[in-house]
Amino acid sequence: MIPENMPSSQDYQPKDLPFKRDLIGISEKTIEIHHDKLYTGYVNKMKQIGAELAALATGEKEVSGNQTYSELRALRNGETFANNGVYLHEYYFNCLGGSEEVPENALTNALSEKFGSIENFVTYFSASGMAMRGWVVLAWDTQLDRLKVYGCDSHNQGGVWGCIPIIVLDVYEHAYYLDYGSNRKSYIADFWKNMNWEAANHVFEKWSS
């Protein structure tokens, strides 16, 4: 049973940015557009789609499905795109607002052990950011019970069920073009200068223990 205080997609509200400080390289204007317009837009679509699905699920509207085209099929596809757009952006913003200093904690120790060093991990993750069109995610894979890096070209393509995002990098052009033009490599380098390792470690410790 879902607890009564748990929000549904229909009443989900945009989360405030989890940091206050200015970022290195990534302008306030970019973050404003990214959070206040794009991310908030995904939340609004998530709520709209949730309401329309609820009307079908409760019999308020007649429901039928067809895999070539139907209202239900279109809503199902839109639901995963919108919801993942919300959640991935929340994990991405959670990673920002830190500093260049890499602390010693459970996550950084685990990454050093898995990849040989933090530098190796950053190199590998960054190269994955250059290879993907949408997202790169360091996740805790609950099936494998270990850290894994996954990439996807779209919100609802490439994700793996049973995986909890820990470090999420948005490599869509909207995340960097205003500040960097087509220089994605410099944007990714600055992402690490703003990395909030403690926030990522909090997620890691919550799910890996």
C-alpha atoms as a PDB file:
ATOM      1  CA  MET A   1       0.000   0.000   0.000  1.00  0.00           C
ATOM      2  CA  ILE A   2       1.281   3.480  -0.907  1.00  0.00           C
ATOM      3  CA  PRO A   3       1.507   5.787   2.134  1.00  0.00           C
ATOM      4  CA  GLU A   4      -1.063   8.585   2.074  1.00  0.00           C
ATOM      5  CA  ASN A   5       1.622  11.282   2.227  1.00  0.00           C
ATOM      6  CA  MET A   6       3.423  10.014  -0.871  1.00  0.00           C
ATOM      7  CA  PRO A   7       2.844  12.310  -3.881  1.00  0.00           C
ATOM      8  CA  SER A   8       1.299  10.945  -7.056  1.00  0.00           C
ATOM      9  CA  SER A   9       2.401  12.098 -10.477  1.00  0.00           C
ATOM     10  CA  GLN A  10      -0.675  14.338 -10.568  1.00  0.00           C
ATOM     11  CA  ASP A  11       0.362  16.456  -7.574  1.00  0.00           C
ATOM     12  CA  TYR A  12       4.149  16.258  -7.939  1.00  0.00           C
ATOM     13  CA  GLN A  13       5.821  19.652  -7.544  1.00  0.00           C
ATOM     14  CA  PRO A  14       9.150  20.907  -8.982  1.00  0.00           C
ATOM     15  CA  LYS A  15      11.967  20.690  -6.461  1.00  0.00           C
ATOM     16  CA  ASP A  16      14.030  23.778  -5.705  1.00  0.00           C
ATOM     17  CA  LEU A  17      17.658  23.793  -6.772  1.00  0.00           C
ATOM     18  CA  PRO A  18      19.656  22.045  -4.028  1.00  0.00           C
ATOM     19  CA  PHE A  19      22.515  24.577  -4.174  1.00  0.00           C
ATOM     20  CA  LYS A  20      22.878  28.358  -3.813  1.00  0.00           C
ATOM     21  CA  ARG A  21      26.429  29.046  -4.979  1.00  0.00           C
ATOM     22  CA  ASP A  22      27.522  30.209  -8.444  1.00  0.00           C
ATOM     23  CA  LEU A  23      28.875  27.440 -10.641  1.00  0.00           C
ATOM     24  CA  ILE A  24      32.175  27.318 -12.499  1.00  0.00           C
ATOM     25  CA  GLY A  25      31.580  27.750 -16.235  1.00  0.00           C
ATOM     26  CA  ILE A  26      27.850  27.017 -16.111  1.00  0.00           C
ATOM     27  CA  SER A  27      26.058  30.353 -15.997  1.00  0.00           C
ATOM     28  CA  GLU A  28      23.147  31.367 -13.833  1.00  0.00           C
ATOM     29  CA  LYS A  29      21.153  31.965 -17.032  1.00  0.00           C
ATOM     30  CA  THR A  30      21.731  28.395 -18.205  1.00  0.00           C
ATOM     31  CA  ILE A  31      20.659  26.990 -14.836  1.00  0.00           C
ATOM     32  CA  GLU A  32      17.610  29.263 -14.771  1.00  0.00           C
ATOM     33  CA  ILE A  33      16.457  28.062 -18.199  1.00  0.00           C
ATOM     34  CA  HIS A  34      17.359  24.470 -17.415  1.00  0.00           C
ATOM     35  CA  HIS A  35      15.571  24.326 -14.065  1.00  0.00           C
ATOM     36  CA  ASP A  36      12.761  26.855 -14.289  1.00  0.00           C
ATOM     37  CA  LYS A  37      11.661  26.166 -17.845  1.00  0.00           C
ATOM     38  CA  LEU A  38      12.827  22.746 -19.069  1.00  0.00           C
ATOM     39  CA  TYR A  39      12.722  20.733 -15.844  1.00  0.00           C
ATOM     40  CA  THR A  40       9.538  22.428 -14.644  1.00  0.00           C
ATOM     41  CA  GLY A  41       8.011  21.745 -18.049  1.00  0.00           C
ATOM     42  CA  TYR A  42       8.688  18.017 -17.610  1.00  0.00           C
ATOM     43  CA  VAL A  43       7.027  18.127 -14.184  1.00  0.00           C
ATOM     44  CA  ASN A  44       3.942  19.755 -15.696  1.00  0.00           C
ATOM     45  CA  LYS A  45       3.745  17.162 -18.468  1.00  0.00           C
ATOM     46  CA  MET A  46       4.245  14.387 -15.912  1.00  0.00           C
ATOM     47  CA  LYS A  47       1.241  15.722 -13.982  1.00  0.00           C
ATOM     48  CA  GLN A  48      -0.893  16.112 -17.117  1.00  0.00           C
ATOM     49  CA  ILE A  49      -0.135  12.602 -18.354  1.00  0.00           C
ATOM     50  CA  GLY A  50      -0.730  11.182 -14.872  1.00  0.00           C
ATOM     51  CA  ALA A  51      -4.162  12.786 -14.748  1.00  0.00           C
ATOM     52  CA  GLU A  52      -5.100  11.444 -18.181  1.00  0.00           C
ATOM     53  CA  LEU A  53      -3.933   7.937 -17.274  1.00  0.00           C
ATOM     54  CA  ALA A  54      -5.872   8.105 -14.019  1.00  0.00           C
ATOM     55  CA  ALA A  55      -9.054   8.915 -15.946  1.00  0.00           C
ATOM     56  CA  LEU A  56      -8.523   5.783 -18.034  1.00  0.00           C
ATOM     57  CA  ALA A  57      -7.530   3.613 -15.077  1.00  0.00           C
ATOM     58  CA  THR A  58     -10.585   4.531 -12.988  1.00  0.00           C
ATOM     59  CA  GLY A  59     -13.116   4.149 -15.796  1.00  0.00           C
ATOM     60  CA  GLU A  60     -13.794   7.871 -16.027  1.00  0.00           C
ATOM     61  CA  LYS A  61     -12.908   7.531 -19.715  1.00  0.00           C
ATOM     62  CA  GLU A  62     -13.288   4.476 -21.908  1.00  0.00           C
ATOM     63  CA  VAL A  63     -10.011   2.634 -22.223  1.00  0.00           C
ATOM     64  CA  SER A  64      -8.692   0.577 -25.121  1.00  0.00           C
ATOM     65  CA  GLY A  65      -5.208  -0.254 -26.307  1.00  0.00           C
ATOM     66  CA  ASN A  66      -3.632  -0.765 -29.703  1.00  0.00           C
ATOM     67  CA  GLN A  67       0.108  -1.165 -30.250  1.00  0.00           C
ATOM     68  CA  THR A  68       0.089   0.657 -33.595  1.00  0.00           C
ATOM     69  CA  TYR A  69      -1.654   3.713 -32.205  1.00  0.00           C
ATOM     70  CA  SER A  70      -4.034   4.407 -29.353  1.00  0.00           C
ATOM     71  CA  GLU A  71      -4.454   7.079 -26.722  1.00  0.00           C
ATOM     72  CA  LEU A  72      -3.195   4.667 -24.085  1.00  0.00           C
ATOM     73  CA  ARG A  73      -0.071   3.793 -26.089  1.00  0.00           C
ATOM     74  CA  ALA A  74       0.731   7.478 -26.646  1.00  0.00           C
ATOM     75  CA  LEU A  75       0.276   8.228 -22.942  1.00  0.00           C
ATOM     76  CA  ARG A  76       2.434   5.263 -21.925  1.00  0.00           C
ATOM     77  CA  ASN A  77       5.286   6.444 -24.151  1.00  0.00           C
ATOM     78  CA  GLY A  78       4.892  10.017 -22.983  1.00  0.00           C
ATOM     79  CA  GLU A  79       4.805   8.938 -19.338  1.00  0.00           C
ATOM     80  CA  THR A  80       8.244   7.310 -19.353  1.00  0.00           C
ATOM     81  CA  PHE A  81       9.760  10.232 -21.275  1.00  0.00           C
ATOM     82  CA  ALA A  82       8.298  12.881 -18.981  1.00  0.00           C
ATOM     83  CA  ASN A  83       8.858  11.051 -15.690  1.00  0.00           C
ATOM     84  CA  ASN A  84      12.442  10.145 -16.520  1.00  0.00           C
ATOM     85  CA  GLY A  85      12.986  13.729 -17.662  1.00  0.00           C
ATOM     86  CA  VAL A  86      11.924  14.847 -14.187  1.00  0.00           C
ATOM     87  CA  TYR A  87      13.917  12.318 -12.178  1.00  0.00           C
ATOM     88  CA  LEU A  88      17.141  12.479 -14.202  1.00  0.00           C
ATOM     89  CA  HIS A  89      17.197  16.268 -13.969  1.00  0.00           C
ATOM     90  CA  GLU A  90      16.705  16.079 -10.200  1.00  0.00           C
ATOM     91  CA  TYR A  91      19.698  13.738  -9.865  1.00  0.00           C
ATOM     92  CA  TYR A  92      21.717  15.998 -12.185  1.00  0.00           C
ATOM     93  CA  PHE A  93      20.998  19.127 -10.140  1.00  0.00           C
ATOM     94  CA  ASN A  94      21.802  17.150  -7.002  1.00  0.00           C
ATOM     95  CA  CYS A  95      25.342  16.665  -8.349  1.00  0.00           C
ATOM     96  CA  LEU A  96      26.006  20.390  -8.731  1.00  0.00           C
ATOM     97  CA  GLY A  97      27.104  23.025  -6.245  1.00  0.00           C
ATOM     98  CA  GLY A  98      30.262  21.354  -4.971  1.00  0.00           C
ATOM     99  CA  SER A  99      33.919  22.164  -5.444  1.00  0.00           C
ATOM    100  CA  GLU A 100      36.944  20.763  -7.243  1.00  0.00           C
ATOM    101  CA  GLU A 101      38.162  19.055  -4.084  1.00  0.00           C
ATOM    102  CA  VAL A 102      37.421  15.329  -4.028  1.00  0.00           C
ATOM    103  CA  PRO A 103      36.709  14.211  -0.457  1.00  0.00           C
ATOM    104  CA  GLU A 104      37.402  10.791   0.956  1.00  0.00           C
ATOM    105  CA  ASN A 105      34.093   9.077   1.585  1.00  0.00           C
ATOM    106  CA  ALA A 106      32.367   5.769   0.905  1.00  0.00           C
ATOM    107  CA  LEU A 107      31.589   6.640  -2.723  1.00  0.00           C
ATOM    108  CA  THR A 108      35.032   7.945  -3.693  1.00  0.00           C
ATOM    109  CA  ASN A 109      36.663   4.973  -1.966  1.00  0.00           C
ATOM    110  CA  ALA A 110      34.386   2.581  -3.866  1.00  0.00           C
ATOM    111  CA  LEU A 111      35.133   4.319  -7.162  1.00  0.00           C
ATOM    112  CA  SER A 112      38.884   4.209  -6.528  1.00  0.00           C
ATOM    113  CA  GLU A 113      38.648   0.508  -5.781  1.00  0.00           C
ATOM    114  CA  LYS A 114      36.520  -0.261  -8.854  1.00  0.00           C
ATOM    115  CA  PHE A 115      38.323   1.930 -11.412  1.00  0.00           C
ATOM    116  CA  GLY A 116      41.817   2.044  -9.932  1.00  0.00           C
ATOM    117  CA  SER A 117      41.574   5.750  -9.112  1.00  0.00           C
ATOM    118  CA  ILE A 118      39.124   8.649  -9.137  1.00  0.00           C
ATOM    119  CA  GLU A 119      41.025  10.014 -12.133  1.00  0.00           C
ATOM    120  CA  ASN A 120      40.354   6.815 -14.080  1.00  0.00           C
ATOM    121  CA  PHE A 121      36.666   6.970 -13.214  1.00  0.00           C
ATOM    122  CA  VAL A 122      36.370  10.627 -14.259  1.00  0.00           C
ATOM    123  CA  THR A 123      38.165   9.896 -17.548  1.00  0.00           C
ATOM    124  CA  TYR A 124      35.896   6.931 -18.312  1.00  0.00           C
ATOM    125  CA  PHE A 125      32.679   8.705 -17.279  1.00  0.00           C
ATOM    126  CA  SER A 126      33.649  11.828 -19.241  1.00  0.00           C
ATOM    127  CA  ALA A 127      34.397   9.794 -22.364  1.00  0.00           C
ATOM    128  CA  SER A 128      30.971   8.188 -21.968  1.00  0.00           C
ATOM    129  CA  GLY A 129      29.557  11.726 -21.871  1.00  0.00           C
ATOM    130  CA  MET A 130      31.185  12.429 -25.217  1.00  0.00           C
ATOM    131  CA  ALA A 131      29.781   9.170 -26.631  1.00  0.00           C
ATOM    132  CA  MET A 132      26.144   9.589 -25.573  1.00  0.00           C
ATOM    133  CA  ARG A 133      23.518  12.025 -26.869  1.00  0.00           C
ATOM    134  CA  GLY A 134      21.511  12.496 -23.685  1.00  0.00           C
ATOM    135  CA  TRP A 135      22.701  11.205 -20.346  1.00  0.00           C
ATOM    136  CA  VAL A 136      25.462   9.352 -18.529  1.00  0.00           C
ATOM    137  CA  VAL A 137      24.622   7.787 -15.176  1.00  0.00           C
ATOM    138  CA  LEU A 138      26.711   6.235 -12.450  1.00  0.00           C
ATOM    139  CA  ALA A 139      24.188   3.978 -10.760  1.00  0.00           C
ATOM    140  CA  TRP A 140      23.957   1.453  -7.991  1.00  0.00           C
ATOM    141  CA  ASP A 141      22.777  -1.678  -9.809  1.00  0.00           C
ATOM    142  CA  THR A 142      20.604  -3.505  -7.283  1.00  0.00           C
ATOM    143  CA  GLN A 143      20.675  -6.695  -9.371  1.00  0.00           C
ATOM    144  CA  LEU A 144      24.471  -6.835  -9.575  1.00  0.00           C
ATOM    145  CA  ASP A 145      24.917  -5.175  -6.179  1.00  0.00           C
ATOM    146  CA  ARG A 146      27.659  -2.913  -7.507  1.00  0.00           C
ATOM    147  CA  LEU A 147      28.373   0.389  -9.222  1.00  0.00           C
ATOM    148  CA  LYS A 148      27.781   0.593 -12.965  1.00  0.00           C
ATOM    149  CA  VAL A 149      28.012   3.340 -15.589  1.00  0.00           C
ATOM    150  CA  TYR A 150      25.140   3.440 -18.057  1.00  0.00           C
ATOM    151  CA  GLY A 151      24.396   5.820 -20.915  1.00  0.00           C
ATOM    152  CA  CYS A 152      21.285   6.735 -22.842  1.00  0.00           C
ATOM    153  CA  ASP A 153      20.435   8.853 -25.856  1.00  0.00           C
ATOM    154  CA  SER A 154      16.934   9.710 -24.632  1.00  0.00           C
ATOM    155  CA  HIS A 155      15.144   9.869 -21.285  1.00  0.00           C
ATOM    156  CA  ASN A 156      13.310   6.599 -21.875  1.00  0.00           C
ATOM    157  CA  GLN A 157      15.984   4.739 -23.822  1.00  0.00           C
ATOM    158  CA  GLY A 158      18.978   3.018 -22.258  1.00  0.00           C
ATOM    159  CA  GLY A 159      17.909   3.096 -18.623  1.00  0.00           C
ATOM    160  CA  VAL A 160      18.167  -0.160 -16.699  1.00  0.00           C
ATOM    161  CA  TRP A 161      15.477  -1.137 -14.229  1.00  0.00           C
ATOM    162  CA  GLY A 162      16.675  -1.830 -10.722  1.00  0.00           C
ATOM    163  CA  CYS A 163      19.382   0.845 -10.915  1.00  0.00           C
ATOM    164  CA  ILE A 164      19.553   3.905  -8.656  1.00  0.00           C
ATOM    165  CA  PRO A 165      21.207   7.008 -10.195  1.00  0.00           C
ATOM    166  CA  ILE A 166      24.046   8.444  -8.115  1.00  0.00           C
ATOM    167  CA  ILE A 167      25.977  10.729 -10.462  1.00  0.00           C
ATOM    168  CA  VAL A 168      24.007  11.990 -13.460  1.00  0.00           C
ATOM    169  CA  LEU A 169      25.451  14.098 -16.277  1.00  0.00           C
ATOM    170  CA  ASP A 170      23.137  15.818 -18.758  1.00  0.00           C
ATOM    171  CA  VAL A 171      24.863  16.024 -22.151  1.00  0.00           C
ATOM    172  CA  TYR A 172      21.943  17.327 -24.174  1.00  0.00           C
ATOM    173  CA  GLU A 173      22.923  20.601 -25.859  1.00  0.00           C
ATOM    174  CA  HIS A 174      20.493  22.613 -23.715  1.00  0.00           C
ATOM    175  CA  ALA A 175      22.713  21.876 -20.700  1.00  0.00           C
ATOM    176  CA  TYR A 176      25.775  23.653 -22.118  1.00  0.00           C
ATOM    177  CA  TYR A 177      25.291  25.341 -25.516  1.00  0.00           C
ATOM    178  CA  LEU A 178      24.569  28.819 -24.141  1.00  0.00           C
ATOM    179  CA  ASP A 179      27.891  28.823 -22.256  1.00  0.00           C
ATOM    180  CA  TYR A 180      30.114  26.539 -24.314  1.00  0.00           C
ATOM    181  CA  GLY A 181      28.718  26.462 -27.841  1.00  0.00           C
ATOM    182  CA  SER A 182      29.568  23.073 -29.306  1.00  0.00           C
ATOM    183  CA  ASN A 183      32.466  22.537 -26.880  1.00  0.00           C
ATOM    184  CA  ARG A 184      30.914  19.723 -24.884  1.00  0.00           C
ATOM    185  CA  LYS A 185      34.311  18.551 -23.653  1.00  0.00           C
ATOM    186  CA  SER A 186      34.895  21.790 -21.709  1.00  0.00           C
ATOM    187  CA  TYR A 187      31.403  21.597 -20.227  1.00  0.00           C
ATOM    188  CA  ILE A 188      32.079  18.071 -18.976  1.00  0.00           C
ATOM    189  CA  ALA A 189      35.414  19.181 -17.502  1.00  0.00           C
ATOM    190  CA  ASP A 190      33.624  21.970 -15.615  1.00  0.00           C
ATOM    191  CA  PHE A 191      30.945  19.531 -14.419  1.00  0.00           C
ATOM    192  CA  TRP A 192      33.603  17.892 -12.240  1.00  0.00           C
ATOM    193  CA  LYS A 193      34.693  21.275 -10.877  1.00  0.00           C
ATOM    194  CA  ASN A 194      31.114  21.719  -9.629  1.00  0.00           C
ATOM    195  CA  MET A 195      30.639  18.126  -8.476  1.00  0.00           C
ATOM    196  CA  ASN A 196      28.911  17.725  -5.118  1.00  0.00           C
ATOM    197  CA  TRP A 197      30.580  14.519  -3.985  1.00  0.00           C
ATOM    198  CA  GLU A 198      28.916  14.615  -0.575  1.00  0.00           C
ATOM    199  CA  ALA A 199      25.408  14.742  -2.090  1.00  0.00           C
ATOM    200  CA  ALA A 200      26.254  11.845  -4.401  1.00  0.00           C
ATOM    201  CA  ASN A 201      27.760   9.932  -1.472  1.00  0.00           C
ATOM    202  CA  HIS A 202      24.519  10.370   0.475  1.00  0.00           C
ATOM    203  CA  VAL A 203      22.594   8.587  -2.297  1.00  0.00           C
ATOM    204  CA  PHE A 204      25.296   5.907  -2.573  1.00  0.00           C
ATOM    205  CA  GLU A 205      25.291   5.119   1.142  1.00  0.00           C
ATOM    206  CA  LYS A 206      21.495   5.026   1.262  1.00  0.00           C
ATOM    207  CA  TRP A 207      21.239   2.326  -1.407  1.00  0.00           C
ATOM    208  CA  SER A 208      24.472   0.358  -1.196  1.00  0.00           C
ATOM    209  CA  SER A 209      24.359  -0.496   2.497  1.00  0.00           C
END
